[in-house]
Amino acid sequence: MDKISMVEEQNARNMKDFLELYNKLTERCFLQCVVNFNNRSLSDYEYKCAEQCAGRYVKYNQRLMLTFVDKQSAKQEAMIKEIEKAAAEGREPKLPGMPLQAAVTPPTEENAKKSIPPLDNSRTT
């Protein structure tokens, strides 16, 4: 996969995430704030409620993303330290949730053949 298609794919994912967030925000604030369907425009109460609801939702999402970035950065730093420490000691790194070889061995055709079991053609349907 070339860089351009990877960037396009990431942009598409970002747009999808943004639209999902926007749709959730719109639905939640609409259901919470809009109570009168007799007028074409929002009442003062509905307008203020929707504005406050959207503000809270956006602030919450920003705090959530900052926390996620902090945790992810700390996790990556810990992984890098473990890989460096293991390399200095001449051993395989112990990384949670990752097979030992996947952390340090780039994928090759030979490694792929070892990890995929052969098909059992002896059975008939």
PDB file of N, CA and C in Angstrom:
ATOM      1  N   MET A   1       0.860  -1.173   0.000  1.00  0.00           N
ATOM      2  CA  MET A   1       0.000   0.000   0.000  1.00  0.00           C
ATOM      3  C   MET A   1       0.904   1.233   0.000  1.00  0.00           C
ATOM      4  N   ASP A   2       0.668   2.139  -0.937  1.00  0.00           N
ATOM      5  CA  ASP A   2       1.518   3.319  -1.015  1.00  0.00           C
ATOM      6  C   ASP A   2       1.070   4.400  -0.037  1.00  0.00           C
ATOM      7  N   LYS A   3       1.927   5.404   0.138  1.00  0.00           N
ATOM      8  CA  LYS A   3       1.666   6.442   1.138  1.00  0.00           C
ATOM      9  C   LYS A   3       0.400   7.223   0.849  1.00  0.00           C
ATOM     10  N   ILE A   4       0.138   7.502  -0.419  1.00  0.00           N
ATOM     11  CA  ILE A   4      -1.042   8.302  -0.775  1.00  0.00           C
ATOM     12  C   ILE A   4      -2.316   7.577  -0.381  1.00  0.00           C
ATOM     13  N   SER A   5      -2.403   6.294  -0.682  1.00  0.00           N
ATOM     14  CA  SER A   5      -3.614   5.557  -0.332  1.00  0.00           C
ATOM     15  C   SER A   5      -3.741   5.393   1.182  1.00  0.00           C
ATOM     16  N   MET A   6      -2.612   5.294   1.896  1.00  0.00           N
ATOM     17  CA  MET A   6      -2.672   5.206   3.357  1.00  0.00           C
ATOM     18  C   MET A   6      -3.191   6.513   3.949  1.00  0.00           C
ATOM     19  N   VAL A   7      -2.730   7.638   3.394  1.00  0.00           N
ATOM     20  CA  VAL A   7      -3.193   8.945   3.863  1.00  0.00           C
ATOM     21  C   VAL A   7      -4.677   9.106   3.563  1.00  0.00           C
ATOM     22  N   GLU A   8      -5.094   8.710   2.368  1.00  0.00           N
ATOM     23  CA  GLU A   8      -6.517   8.795   2.007  1.00  0.00           C
ATOM     24  C   GLU A   8      -7.372   7.924   2.925  1.00  0.00           C
ATOM     25  N   GLU A   9      -6.884   6.738   3.235  1.00  0.00           N
ATOM     26  CA  GLU A   9      -7.612   5.845   4.132  1.00  0.00           C
ATOM     27  C   GLU A   9      -7.721   6.450   5.531  1.00  0.00           C
ATOM     28  N   GLN A  10      -6.632   7.047   6.026  1.00  0.00           N
ATOM     29  CA  GLN A  10      -6.656   7.694   7.336  1.00  0.00           C
ATOM     30  C   GLN A  10      -7.612   8.876   7.332  1.00  0.00           C
ATOM     31  N   ASN A  11      -7.600   9.663   6.258  1.00  0.00           N
ATOM     32  CA  ASN A  11      -8.524  10.794   6.152  1.00  0.00           C
ATOM     33  C   ASN A  11      -9.971  10.328   6.147  1.00  0.00           C
ATOM     34  N   ALA A  12     -10.240   9.235   5.457  1.00  0.00           N
ATOM     35  CA  ALA A  12     -11.601   8.692   5.420  1.00  0.00           C
ATOM     36  C   ALA A  12     -12.029   8.222   6.812  1.00  0.00           C
ATOM     37  N   ARG A  13     -11.110   7.568   7.538  1.00  0.00           N
ATOM     38  CA  ARG A  13     -11.422   7.138   8.904  1.00  0.00           C
ATOM     39  C   ARG A  13     -11.677   8.337   9.822  1.00  0.00           C
ATOM     40  N   ASN A  14     -10.856   9.368   9.675  1.00  0.00           N
ATOM     41  CA  ASN A  14     -11.049  10.573  10.482  1.00  0.00           C
ATOM     42  C   ASN A  14     -12.408  11.213  10.205  1.00  0.00           C
ATOM     43  N   MET A  15     -12.788  11.285   8.925  1.00  0.00           N
ATOM     44  CA  MET A  15     -14.078  11.866   8.568  1.00  0.00           C
ATOM     45  C   MET A  15     -15.217  11.012   9.121  1.00  0.00           C
ATOM     46  N   LYS A  16     -15.083   9.711   9.053  1.00  0.00           N
ATOM     47  CA  LYS A  16     -16.109   8.818   9.589  1.00  0.00           C
ATOM     48  C   LYS A  16     -16.244   9.026  11.102  1.00  0.00           C
ATOM     49  N   ASP A  17     -15.127   9.103  11.801  1.00  0.00           N
ATOM     50  CA  ASP A  17     -15.149   9.327  13.253  1.00  0.00           C
ATOM     51  C   ASP A  17     -15.807  10.656  13.589  1.00  0.00           C
ATOM     52  N   PHE A  18     -15.457  11.704  12.818  1.00  0.00           N
ATOM     53  CA  PHE A  18     -16.056  13.012  13.052  1.00  0.00           C
ATOM     54  C   PHE A  18     -17.562  12.965  12.841  1.00  0.00           C
ATOM     55  N   LEU A  19     -18.010  12.323  11.762  1.00  0.00           N
ATOM     56  CA  LEU A  19     -19.446  12.258  11.479  1.00  0.00           C
ATOM     57  C   LEU A  19     -20.195  11.455  12.532  1.00  0.00           C
ATOM     58  N   GLU A  20     -19.583  10.388  13.017  1.00  0.00           N
ATOM     59  CA  GLU A  20     -20.213   9.610  14.095  1.00  0.00           C
ATOM     60  C   GLU A  20     -20.360  10.456  15.352  1.00  0.00           C
ATOM     61  N   LEU A  21     -19.318  11.188  15.702  1.00  0.00           N
ATOM     62  CA  LEU A  21     -19.360  12.067  16.873  1.00  0.00           C
ATOM     63  C   LEU A  21     -20.429  13.139  16.690  1.00  0.00           C
ATOM     64  N   TYR A  22     -20.473  13.751  15.521  1.00  0.00           N
ATOM     65  CA  TYR A  22     -21.452  14.793  15.240  1.00  0.00           C
ATOM     66  C   TYR A  22     -22.875  14.242  15.324  1.00  0.00           C
ATOM     67  N   ASN A  23     -23.091  13.055  14.755  1.00  0.00           N
ATOM     68  CA  ASN A  23     -24.431  12.460  14.795  1.00  0.00           C
ATOM     69  C   ASN A  23     -24.867  12.124  16.216  1.00  0.00           C
ATOM     70  N   LYS A  24     -23.947  11.603  17.021  1.00  0.00           N
ATOM     71  CA  LYS A  24     -24.267  11.298  18.419  1.00  0.00           C
ATOM     72  C   LYS A  24     -24.610  12.568  19.184  1.00  0.00           C
ATOM     73  N   LEU A  25     -23.802  13.605  18.984  1.00  0.00           N
ATOM     74  CA  LEU A  25     -24.029  14.880  19.649  1.00  0.00           C
ATOM     75  C   LEU A  25     -25.383  15.455  19.251  1.00  0.00           C
ATOM     76  N   THR A  26     -25.678  15.464  17.968  1.00  0.00           N
ATOM     77  CA  THR A  26     -26.936  16.018  17.475  1.00  0.00           C
ATOM     78  C   THR A  26     -28.130  15.260  18.042  1.00  0.00           C
ATOM     79  N   GLU A  27     -28.071  13.944  17.986  1.00  0.00           N
ATOM     80  CA  GLU A  27     -29.196  13.140  18.476  1.00  0.00           C
ATOM     81  C   GLU A  27     -29.394  13.327  19.977  1.00  0.00           C
ATOM     82  N   ARG A  28     -28.311  13.270  20.716  1.00  0.00           N
ATOM     83  CA  ARG A  28     -28.431  13.387  22.172  1.00  0.00           C
ATOM     84  C   ARG A  28     -28.992  14.747  22.584  1.00  0.00           C
ATOM     85  N   CYS A  29     -28.442  15.809  22.015  1.00  0.00           N
ATOM     86  CA  CYS A  29     -28.899  17.143  22.391  1.00  0.00           C
ATOM     87  C   CYS A  29     -30.313  17.412  21.894  1.00  0.00           C
ATOM     88  N   PHE A  30     -30.666  16.894  20.724  1.00  0.00           N
ATOM     89  CA  PHE A  30     -32.033  17.066  20.221  1.00  0.00           C
ATOM     90  C   PHE A  30     -33.030  16.380  21.147  1.00  0.00           C
ATOM     91  N   LEU A  31     -32.749  15.143  21.487  1.00  0.00           N
ATOM     92  CA  LEU A  31     -33.672  14.400  22.346  1.00  0.00           C
ATOM     93  C   LEU A  31     -33.785  15.027  23.732  1.00  0.00           C
ATOM     94  N   GLN A  32     -32.705  15.595  24.224  1.00  0.00           N
ATOM     95  CA  GLN A  32     -32.688  16.186  25.561  1.00  0.00           C
ATOM     96  C   GLN A  32     -33.345  17.563  25.583  1.00  0.00           C
ATOM     97  N   CYS A  33     -33.206  18.332  24.504  1.00  0.00           N
ATOM     98  CA  CYS A  33     -33.578  19.752  24.567  1.00  0.00           C
ATOM     99  C   CYS A  33     -34.851  20.134  23.813  1.00  0.00           C
ATOM    100  N   VAL A  34     -35.129  19.510  22.707  1.00  0.00           N
ATOM    101  CA  VAL A  34     -36.273  19.932  21.897  1.00  0.00           C
ATOM    102  C   VAL A  34     -37.527  19.238  22.425  1.00  0.00           C
ATOM    103  N   VAL A  35     -38.460  20.069  22.907  1.00  0.00           N
ATOM    104  CA  VAL A  35     -39.667  19.523  23.529  1.00  0.00           C
ATOM    105  C   VAL A  35     -40.945  19.990  22.840  1.00  0.00           C
ATOM    106  N   ASN A  36     -40.860  21.054  22.044  1.00  0.00           N
ATOM    107  CA  ASN A  36     -42.054  21.620  21.424  1.00  0.00           C
ATOM    108  C   ASN A  36     -41.904  21.560  19.907  1.00  0.00           C
ATOM    109  N   PHE A  37     -42.802  20.820  19.260  1.00  0.00           N
ATOM    110  CA  PHE A  37     -42.762  20.686  17.807  1.00  0.00           C
ATOM    111  C   PHE A  37     -43.809  21.551  17.118  1.00  0.00           C
ATOM    112  N   ASN A  38     -44.431  22.486  17.850  1.00  0.00           N
ATOM    113  CA  ASN A  38     -45.472  23.342  17.286  1.00  0.00           C
ATOM    114  C   ASN A  38     -44.904  24.552  16.555  1.00  0.00           C
ATOM    115  N   ASN A  39     -43.632  24.883  16.766  1.00  0.00           N
ATOM    116  CA  ASN A  39     -43.012  26.034  16.107  1.00  0.00           C
ATOM    117  C   ASN A  39     -41.895  25.564  15.192  1.00  0.00           C
ATOM    118  N   ARG A  40     -41.609  26.389  14.175  1.00  0.00           N
ATOM    119  CA  ARG A  40     -40.524  26.067  13.258  1.00  0.00           C
ATOM    120  C   ARG A  40     -39.162  26.405  13.853  1.00  0.00           C
ATOM    121  N   SER A  41     -39.122  27.308  14.811  1.00  0.00           N
ATOM    122  CA  SER A  41     -37.852  27.714  15.408  1.00  0.00           C
ATOM    123  C   SER A  41     -37.789  27.254  16.861  1.00  0.00           C
ATOM    124  N   LEU A  42     -36.591  27.244  17.388  1.00  0.00           N
ATOM    125  CA  LEU A  42     -36.390  26.825  18.769  1.00  0.00           C
ATOM    126  C   LEU A  42     -36.811  27.931  19.728  1.00  0.00           C
ATOM    127  N   SER A  43     -37.324  27.526  20.867  1.00  0.00           N
ATOM    128  CA  SER A  43     -37.611  28.502  21.916  1.00  0.00           C
ATOM    129  C   SER A  43     -36.290  28.909  22.564  1.00  0.00           C
ATOM    130  N   ASP A  44     -36.316  29.950  23.365  1.00  0.00           N
ATOM    131  CA  ASP A  44     -35.093  30.388  24.057  1.00  0.00           C
ATOM    132  C   ASP A  44     -34.532  29.262  24.921  1.00  0.00           C
ATOM    133  N   TYR A  45     -35.436  28.566  25.627  1.00  0.00           N
ATOM    134  CA  TYR A  45     -35.000  27.452  26.481  1.00  0.00           C
ATOM    135  C   TYR A  45     -34.318  26.376  25.635  1.00  0.00           C
ATOM    136  N   GLU A  46     -34.949  25.982  24.525  1.00  0.00           N
ATOM    137  CA  GLU A  46     -34.405  24.919  23.687  1.00  0.00           C
ATOM    138  C   GLU A  46     -33.047  25.324  23.100  1.00  0.00           C
ATOM    139  N   TYR A  47     -32.938  26.567  22.679  1.00  0.00           N
ATOM    140  CA  TYR A  47     -31.683  27.057  22.105  1.00  0.00           C
ATOM    141  C   TYR A  47     -30.553  27.015  23.139  1.00  0.00           C
ATOM    142  N   LYS A  48     -30.825  27.543  24.322  1.00  0.00           N
ATOM    143  CA  LYS A  48     -29.803  27.550  25.383  1.00  0.00           C
ATOM    144  C   LYS A  48     -29.431  26.125  25.795  1.00  0.00           C
ATOM    145  N   CYS A  49     -30.442  25.284  25.914  1.00  0.00           N
ATOM    146  CA  CYS A  49     -30.204  23.886  26.301  1.00  0.00           C
ATOM    147  C   CYS A  49     -29.314  23.189  25.271  1.00  0.00           C
ATOM    148  N   ALA A  50     -29.638  23.355  23.982  1.00  0.00           N
ATOM    149  CA  ALA A  50     -28.857  22.714  22.920  1.00  0.00           C
ATOM    150  C   ALA A  50     -27.428  23.250  22.901  1.00  0.00           C
ATOM    151  N   GLU A  51     -27.270  24.546  23.099  1.00  0.00           N
ATOM    152  CA  GLU A  51     -25.942  25.146  23.120  1.00  0.00           C
ATOM    153  C   GLU A  51     -25.109  24.600  24.286  1.00  0.00           C
ATOM    154  N   GLN A  52     -25.712  24.513  25.468  1.00  0.00           N
ATOM    155  CA  GLN A  52     -24.997  23.983  26.625  1.00  0.00           C
ATOM    156  C   GLN A  52     -24.686  22.498  26.453  1.00  0.00           C
ATOM    157  N   CYS A  53     -25.642  21.761  25.908  1.00  0.00           N
ATOM    158  CA  CYS A  53     -25.453  20.325  25.694  1.00  0.00           C
ATOM    159  C   CYS A  53     -24.287  20.082  24.738  1.00  0.00           C
ATOM    160  N   ALA A  54     -24.262  20.803  23.630  1.00  0.00           N
ATOM    161  CA  ALA A  54     -23.187  20.639  22.653  1.00  0.00           C
ATOM    162  C   ALA A  54     -21.845  21.034  23.271  1.00  0.00           C
ATOM    163  N   GLY A  55     -21.819  22.113  24.040  1.00  0.00           N
ATOM    164  CA  GLY A  55     -20.587  22.534  24.692  1.00  0.00           C
ATOM    165  C   GLY A  55     -20.057  21.496  25.648  1.00  0.00           C
ATOM    166  N   ARG A  56     -20.952  20.913  26.443  1.00  0.00           N
ATOM    167  CA  ARG A  56     -20.528  19.864  27.384  1.00  0.00           C
ATOM    168  C   ARG A  56     -19.989  18.655  26.640  1.00  0.00           C
ATOM    169  N   TYR A  57     -20.671  18.260  25.574  1.00  0.00           N
ATOM    170  CA  TYR A  57     -20.275  17.075  24.811  1.00  0.00           C
ATOM    171  C   TYR A  57     -18.903  17.283  24.178  1.00  0.00           C
ATOM    172  N   VAL A  58     -18.666  18.475  23.623  1.00  0.00           N
ATOM    173  CA  VAL A  58     -17.384  18.772  22.994  1.00  0.00           C
ATOM    174  C   VAL A  58     -16.273  18.800  24.050  1.00  0.00           C
ATOM    175  N   LYS A  59     -16.518  19.430  25.188  1.00  0.00           N
ATOM    176  CA  LYS A  59     -15.506  19.473  26.259  1.00  0.00           C
ATOM    177  C   LYS A  59     -15.193  18.070  26.766  1.00  0.00           C
ATOM    178  N   TYR A  60     -16.234  17.258  26.931  1.00  0.00           N
ATOM    179  CA  TYR A  60     -16.038  15.880  27.383  1.00  0.00           C
ATOM    180  C   TYR A  60     -15.169  15.120  26.385  1.00  0.00           C
ATOM    181  N   ASN A  61     -15.476  15.254  25.103  1.00  0.00           N
ATOM    182  CA  ASN A  61     -14.721  14.537  24.078  1.00  0.00           C
ATOM    183  C   ASN A  61     -13.266  15.004  24.045  1.00  0.00           C
ATOM    184  N   GLN A  62     -13.026  16.292  24.219  1.00  0.00           N
ATOM    185  CA  GLN A  62     -11.653  16.801  24.252  1.00  0.00           C
ATOM    186  C   GLN A  62     -10.881  16.221  25.432  1.00  0.00           C
ATOM    187  N   ARG A  63     -11.512  16.189  26.613  1.00  0.00           N
ATOM    188  CA  ARG A  63     -10.839  15.606  27.787  1.00  0.00           C
ATOM    189  C   ARG A  63     -10.557  14.128  27.563  1.00  0.00           C
ATOM    190  N   LEU A  64     -11.508  13.428  26.973  1.00  0.00           N
ATOM    191  CA  LEU A  64     -11.334  12.011  26.702  1.00  0.00           C
ATOM    192  C   LEU A  64     -10.160  11.782  25.754  1.00  0.00           C
ATOM    193  N   MET A  65     -10.073  12.569  24.698  1.00  0.00           N
ATOM    194  CA  MET A  65      -8.986  12.420  23.734  1.00  0.00           C
ATOM    195  C   MET A  65      -7.635  12.758  24.357  1.00  0.00           C
ATOM    196  N   LEU A  66      -7.571  13.789  25.193  1.00  0.00           N
ATOM    197  CA  LEU A  66      -6.312  14.122  25.865  1.00  0.00           C
ATOM    198  C   LEU A  66      -5.856  12.991  26.777  1.00  0.00           C
ATOM    199  N   THR A  67      -6.798  12.409  27.501  1.00  0.00           N
ATOM    200  CA  THR A  67      -6.468  11.280  28.372  1.00  0.00           C
ATOM    201  C   THR A  67      -5.979  10.093  27.552  1.00  0.00           C
ATOM    202  N   PHE A  68      -6.658   9.821  26.450  1.00  0.00           N
ATOM    203  CA  PHE A  68      -6.259   8.712  25.584  1.00  0.00           C
ATOM    204  C   PHE A  68      -4.849   8.928  25.040  1.00  0.00           C
ATOM    205  N   VAL A  69      -4.565  10.139  24.566  1.00  0.00           N
ATOM    206  CA  VAL A  69      -3.243  10.442  24.016  1.00  0.00           C
ATOM    207  C   VAL A  69      -2.171  10.284  25.093  1.00  0.00           C
ATOM    208  N   ASP A  70      -2.453  10.769  26.299  1.00  0.00           N
ATOM    209  CA  ASP A  70      -1.487  10.626  27.396  1.00  0.00           C
ATOM    210  C   ASP A  70      -1.207   9.158  27.702  1.00  0.00           C
ATOM    211  N   LYS A  71      -2.264   8.372  27.822  1.00  0.00           N
ATOM    212  CA  LYS A  71      -2.100   6.939  28.137  1.00  0.00           C
ATOM    213  C   LYS A  71      -1.375   6.217  27.010  1.00  0.00           C
ATOM    214  N   GLN A  72      -1.736   6.529  25.770  1.00  0.00           N
ATOM    215  CA  GLN A  72      -1.113   5.859  24.624  1.00  0.00           C
ATOM    216  C   GLN A  72       0.367   6.217  24.535  1.00  0.00           C
ATOM    217  N   SER A  73       0.702   7.485  24.791  1.00  0.00           N
ATOM    218  CA  SER A  73       2.104   7.906  24.764  1.00  0.00           C
ATOM    219  C   SER A  73       2.906   7.183  25.838  1.00  0.00           C
ATOM    220  N   ALA A  74       2.345   7.091  27.041  1.00  0.00           N
ATOM    221  CA  ALA A  74       3.031   6.392  28.133  1.00  0.00           C
ATOM    222  C   ALA A  74       3.235   4.915  27.786  1.00  0.00           C
ATOM    223  N   LYS A  75       2.232   4.321  27.167  1.00  0.00           N
ATOM    224  CA  LYS A  75       2.327   2.906  26.791  1.00  0.00           C
ATOM    225  C   LYS A  75       3.412   2.697  25.728  1.00  0.00           C
ATOM    226  N   GLN A  76       3.464   3.593  24.752  1.00  0.00           N
ATOM    227  CA  GLN A  76       4.487   3.478  23.708  1.00  0.00           C
ATOM    228  C   GLN A  76       5.887   3.691  24.279  1.00  0.00           C
ATOM    229  N   GLU A  77       6.030   4.640  25.183  1.00  0.00           N
ATOM    230  CA  GLU A  77       7.333   4.871  25.809  1.00  0.00           C
ATOM    231  C   GLU A  77       7.786   3.645  26.590  1.00  0.00           C
ATOM    232  N   ALA A  78       6.849   3.020  27.306  1.00  0.00           N
ATOM    233  CA  ALA A  78       7.185   1.811  28.059  1.00  0.00           C
ATOM    234  C   ALA A  78       7.605   0.685  27.117  1.00  0.00           C
ATOM    235  N   MET A  79       6.929   0.552  25.988  1.00  0.00           N
ATOM    236  CA  MET A  79       7.278  -0.491  25.022  1.00  0.00           C
ATOM    237  C   MET A  79       8.669  -0.234  24.444  1.00  0.00           C
ATOM    238  N   ILE A  80       8.960   1.022  24.118  1.00  0.00           N
ATOM    239  CA  ILE A  80      10.272   1.361  23.562  1.00  0.00           C
ATOM    240  C   ILE A  80      11.372   1.063  24.580  1.00  0.00           C
ATOM    241  N   LYS A  81      11.137   1.430  25.845  1.00  0.00           N
ATOM    242  CA  LYS A  81      12.127   1.150  26.894  1.00  0.00           C
ATOM    243  C   LYS A  81      12.349  -0.345  27.045  1.00  0.00           C
ATOM    244  N   GLU A  82      11.282  -1.129  26.991  1.00  0.00           N
ATOM    245  CA  GLU A  82      11.407  -2.586  27.126  1.00  0.00           C
ATOM    246  C   GLU A  82      12.181  -3.165  25.951  1.00  0.00           C
ATOM    247  N   ILE A  83      11.920  -2.677  24.753  1.00  0.00           N
ATOM    248  CA  ILE A  83      12.641  -3.178  23.579  1.00  0.00           C
ATOM    249  C   ILE A  83      14.115  -2.820  23.680  1.00  0.00           C
ATOM    250  N   GLU A  84      14.416  -1.586  24.083  1.00  0.00           N
ATOM    251  CA  GLU A  84      15.813  -1.172  24.229  1.00  0.00           C
ATOM    252  C   GLU A  84      16.516  -1.971  25.326  1.00  0.00           C
ATOM    253  N   LYS A  85      15.827  -2.176  26.441  1.00  0.00           N
ATOM    254  CA  LYS A  85      16.410  -2.934  27.554  1.00  0.00           C
ATOM    255  C   LYS A  85      16.670  -4.380  27.133  1.00  0.00           C
ATOM    256  N   ALA A  86      15.706  -4.973  26.444  1.00  0.00           N
ATOM    257  CA  ALA A  86      15.862  -6.352  25.994  1.00  0.00           C
ATOM    258  C   ALA A  86      17.003  -6.470  24.992  1.00  0.00           C
ATOM    259  N   ALA A  87      17.131  -5.491  24.108  1.00  0.00           N
ATOM    260  CA  ALA A  87      18.220  -5.513  23.125  1.00  0.00           C
ATOM    261  C   ALA A  87      19.568  -5.407  23.822  1.00  0.00           C
ATOM    262  N   ALA A  88      19.654  -4.551  24.840  1.00  0.00           N
ATOM    263  CA  ALA A  88      20.909  -4.392  25.581  1.00  0.00           C
ATOM    264  C   ALA A  88      21.269  -5.671  26.328  1.00  0.00           C
ATOM    265  N   GLU A  89      20.256  -6.398  26.803  1.00  0.00           N
ATOM    266  CA  GLU A  89      20.491  -7.637  27.546  1.00  0.00           C
ATOM    267  C   GLU A  89      20.571  -8.847  26.635  1.00  0.00           C
ATOM    268  N   GLY A  90      20.294  -8.664  25.343  1.00  0.00           N
ATOM    269  CA  GLY A  90      20.371  -9.771  24.390  1.00  0.00           C
ATOM    270  C   GLY A  90      19.236 -10.769  24.522  1.00  0.00           C
ATOM    271  N   ARG A  91      18.077 -10.309  24.871  1.00  0.00           N
ATOM    272  CA  ARG A  91      16.916 -11.203  25.010  1.00  0.00           C
ATOM    273  C   ARG A  91      15.732 -10.637  24.231  1.00  0.00           C
ATOM    274  N   GLU A  92      14.687 -11.433  24.141  1.00  0.00           N
ATOM    275  CA  GLU A  92      13.456 -11.003  23.481  1.00  0.00           C
ATOM    276  C   GLU A  92      12.684 -10.077  24.413  1.00  0.00           C
ATOM    277  N   PRO A  93      12.082  -9.027  23.886  1.00  0.00           N
ATOM    278  CA  PRO A  93      11.288  -8.131  24.751  1.00  0.00           C
ATOM    279  C   PRO A  93       9.990  -8.799  25.184  1.00  0.00           C
ATOM    280  N   LYS A  94       9.545  -8.450  26.372  1.00  0.00           N
ATOM    281  CA  LYS A  94       8.277  -8.966  26.894  1.00  0.00           C
ATOM    282  C   LYS A  94       7.245  -7.857  26.747  1.00  0.00           C
ATOM    283  N   LEU A  95       6.458  -7.960  25.679  1.00  0.00           N
ATOM    284  CA  LEU A  95       5.459  -6.941  25.405  1.00  0.00           C
ATOM    285  C   LEU A  95       4.071  -7.537  25.566  1.00  0.00           C
ATOM    286  N   PRO A  96       3.222  -6.923  26.368  1.00  0.00           N
ATOM    287  CA  PRO A  96       1.882  -7.466  26.591  1.00  0.00           C
ATOM    288  C   PRO A  96       1.033  -7.402  25.324  1.00  0.00           C
ATOM    289  N   GLY A  97       0.318  -8.477  25.072  1.00  0.00           N
ATOM    290  CA  GLY A  97      -0.610  -8.516  23.948  1.00  0.00           C
ATOM    291  C   GLY A  97       0.041  -8.678  22.596  1.00  0.00           C
ATOM    292  N   MET A  98       1.320  -8.990  22.561  1.00  0.00           N
ATOM    293  CA  MET A  98       2.021  -9.151  21.299  1.00  0.00           C
ATOM    294  C   MET A  98       2.815 -10.441  21.328  1.00  0.00           C
ATOM    295  N   PRO A  99       2.715 -11.245  20.282  1.00  0.00           N
ATOM    296  CA  PRO A  99       3.569 -12.427  20.243  1.00  0.00           C
ATOM    297  C   PRO A  99       5.029 -11.999  20.275  1.00  0.00           C
ATOM    298  N   LEU A 100       5.847 -12.822  20.899  1.00  0.00           N
ATOM    299  CA  LEU A 100       7.253 -12.474  21.081  1.00  0.00           C
ATOM    300  C   LEU A 100       7.937 -12.111  19.769  1.00  0.00           C
ATOM    301  N   GLN A 101       7.791 -12.906  18.752  1.00  0.00           N
ATOM    302  CA  GLN A 101       8.490 -12.665  17.498  1.00  0.00           C
ATOM    303  C   GLN A 101       7.905 -11.480  16.736  1.00  0.00           C
ATOM    304  N   ALA A 102       6.629 -11.206  16.891  1.00  0.00           N
ATOM    305  CA  ALA A 102       6.004 -10.111  16.153  1.00  0.00           C
ATOM    306  C   ALA A 102       6.584  -8.772  16.553  1.00  0.00           C
ATOM    307  N   ALA A 103       7.072  -8.677  17.778  1.00  0.00           N
ATOM    308  CA  ALA A 103       7.607  -7.408  18.259  1.00  0.00           C
ATOM    309  C   ALA A 103       8.947  -7.065  17.617  1.00  0.00           C
ATOM    310  N   VAL A 104       9.725  -8.065  17.262  1.00  0.00           N
ATOM    311  CA  VAL A 104      11.076  -7.788  16.789  1.00  0.00           C
ATOM    312  C   VAL A 104      11.377  -8.348  15.410  1.00  0.00           C
ATOM    313  N   THR A 105      10.581  -9.259  14.916  1.00  0.00           N
ATOM    314  CA  THR A 105      10.852  -9.901  13.643  1.00  0.00           C
ATOM    315  C   THR A 105       9.950  -9.335  12.562  1.00  0.00           C
ATOM    316  N   PRO A 106      10.521  -8.756  11.525  1.00  0.00           N
ATOM    317  CA  PRO A 106       9.670  -8.280  10.445  1.00  0.00           C
ATOM    318  C   PRO A 106       9.043  -9.463   9.717  1.00  0.00           C
ATOM    319  N   PRO A 107       7.834  -9.287   9.197  1.00  0.00           N
ATOM    320  CA  PRO A 107       7.174 -10.404   8.529  1.00  0.00           C
ATOM    321  C   PRO A 107       7.916 -10.789   7.250  1.00  0.00           C
ATOM    322  N   THR A 108       8.111 -12.077   7.084  1.00  0.00           N
ATOM    323  CA  THR A 108       8.710 -12.603   5.853  1.00  0.00           C
ATOM    324  C   THR A 108       7.850 -13.753   5.378  1.00  0.00           C
ATOM    325  N   GLU A 109       8.071 -14.164   4.163  1.00  0.00           N
ATOM    326  CA  GLU A 109       7.290 -15.269   3.609  1.00  0.00           C
ATOM    327  C   GLU A 109       7.565 -16.553   4.389  1.00  0.00           C
ATOM    328  N   GLU A 110       8.816 -16.742   4.802  1.00  0.00           N
ATOM    329  CA  GLU A 110       9.172 -17.937   5.560  1.00  0.00           C
ATOM    330  C   GLU A 110       8.464 -17.966   6.916  1.00  0.00           C
ATOM    331  N   ASN A 111       8.440 -16.821   7.617  1.00  0.00           N
ATOM    332  CA  ASN A 111       7.751 -16.743   8.905  1.00  0.00           C
ATOM    333  C   ASN A 111       6.250 -16.966   8.742  1.00  0.00           C
ATOM    334  N   ALA A 112       5.683 -16.452   7.664  1.00  0.00           N
ATOM    335  CA  ALA A 112       4.251 -16.621   7.419  1.00  0.00           C
ATOM    336  C   ALA A 112       3.914 -18.092   7.227  1.00  0.00           C
ATOM    337  N   LYS A 113       4.784 -18.823   6.507  1.00  0.00           N
ATOM    338  CA  LYS A 113       4.538 -20.251   6.278  1.00  0.00           C
ATOM    339  C   LYS A 113       4.581 -21.031   7.590  1.00  0.00           C
ATOM    340  N   LYS A 114       5.455 -20.614   8.515  1.00  0.00           N
ATOM    341  CA  LYS A 114       5.557 -21.302   9.798  1.00  0.00           C
ATOM    342  C   LYS A 114       4.314 -21.089  10.650  1.00  0.00           C
ATOM    343  N   SER A 115       3.713 -19.881  10.550  1.00  0.00           N
ATOM    344  CA  SER A 115       2.594 -19.570  11.435  1.00  0.00           C
ATOM    345  C   SER A 115       1.249 -20.037  10.890  1.00  0.00           C
ATOM    346  N   ILE A 116       1.176 -20.366   9.587  1.00  0.00           N
ATOM    347  CA  ILE A 116      -0.085 -20.825   9.002  1.00  0.00           C
ATOM    348  C   ILE A 116      -0.045 -22.340   8.892  1.00  0.00           C
ATOM    349  N   PRO A 117      -0.991 -23.019   9.545  1.00  0.00           N
ATOM    350  CA  PRO A 117      -0.992 -24.481   9.459  1.00  0.00           C
ATOM    351  C   PRO A 117      -1.386 -24.929   8.058  1.00  0.00           C
ATOM    352  N   PRO A 118      -0.854 -26.066   7.607  1.00  0.00           N
ATOM    353  CA  PRO A 118      -1.197 -26.568   6.278  1.00  0.00           C
ATOM    354  C   PRO A 118      -2.657 -27.002   6.232  1.00  0.00           C
ATOM    355  N   LEU A 119      -3.253 -26.927   5.047  1.00  0.00           N
ATOM    356  CA  LEU A 119      -4.630 -27.365   4.865  1.00  0.00           C
ATOM    357  C   LEU A 119      -4.708 -28.872   4.975  1.00  0.00           C
ATOM    358  N   ASP A 120      -5.776 -29.352   5.581  1.00  0.00           N
ATOM    359  CA  ASP A 120      -6.004 -30.782   5.701  1.00  0.00           C
ATOM    360  C   ASP A 120      -6.923 -31.191   4.569  1.00  0.00           C
ATOM    361  N   ASN A 121      -6.323 -31.728   3.503  1.00  0.00           N
ATOM    362  CA  ASN A 121      -7.099 -32.139   2.314  1.00  0.00           C
ATOM    363  C   ASN A 121      -7.607 -33.568   2.430  1.00  0.00           C
ATOM    364  N   SER A 122      -7.334 -34.220   3.533  1.00  0.00           N
ATOM    365  CA  SER A 122      -7.737 -35.618   3.666  1.00  0.00           C
ATOM    366  C   SER A 122      -9.218 -35.771   3.910  1.00  0.00           C
ATOM    367  N   ARG A 123      -9.872 -34.702   4.437  1.00  0.00           N
ATOM    368  CA  ARG A 123     -11.306 -34.792   4.716  1.00  0.00           C
ATOM    369  C   ARG A 123     -12.084 -34.523   3.441  1.00  0.00           C
ATOM    370  N   THR A 124     -13.162 -35.208   3.294  1.00  0.00           N
ATOM    371  CA  THR A 124     -14.044 -34.983   2.154  1.00  0.00           C
ATOM    372  C   THR A 124     -15.394 -34.538   2.682  1.00  0.00           C
ATOM    373  N   THR A 125     -16.062 -33.721   1.885  1.00  0.00           N
ATOM    374  CA  THR A 125     -17.365 -33.230   2.338  1.00  0.00           C
ATOM    375  C   THR A 125     -18.474 -33.970   1.689  1.00  0.00           C
TER     376      THR A 125
END
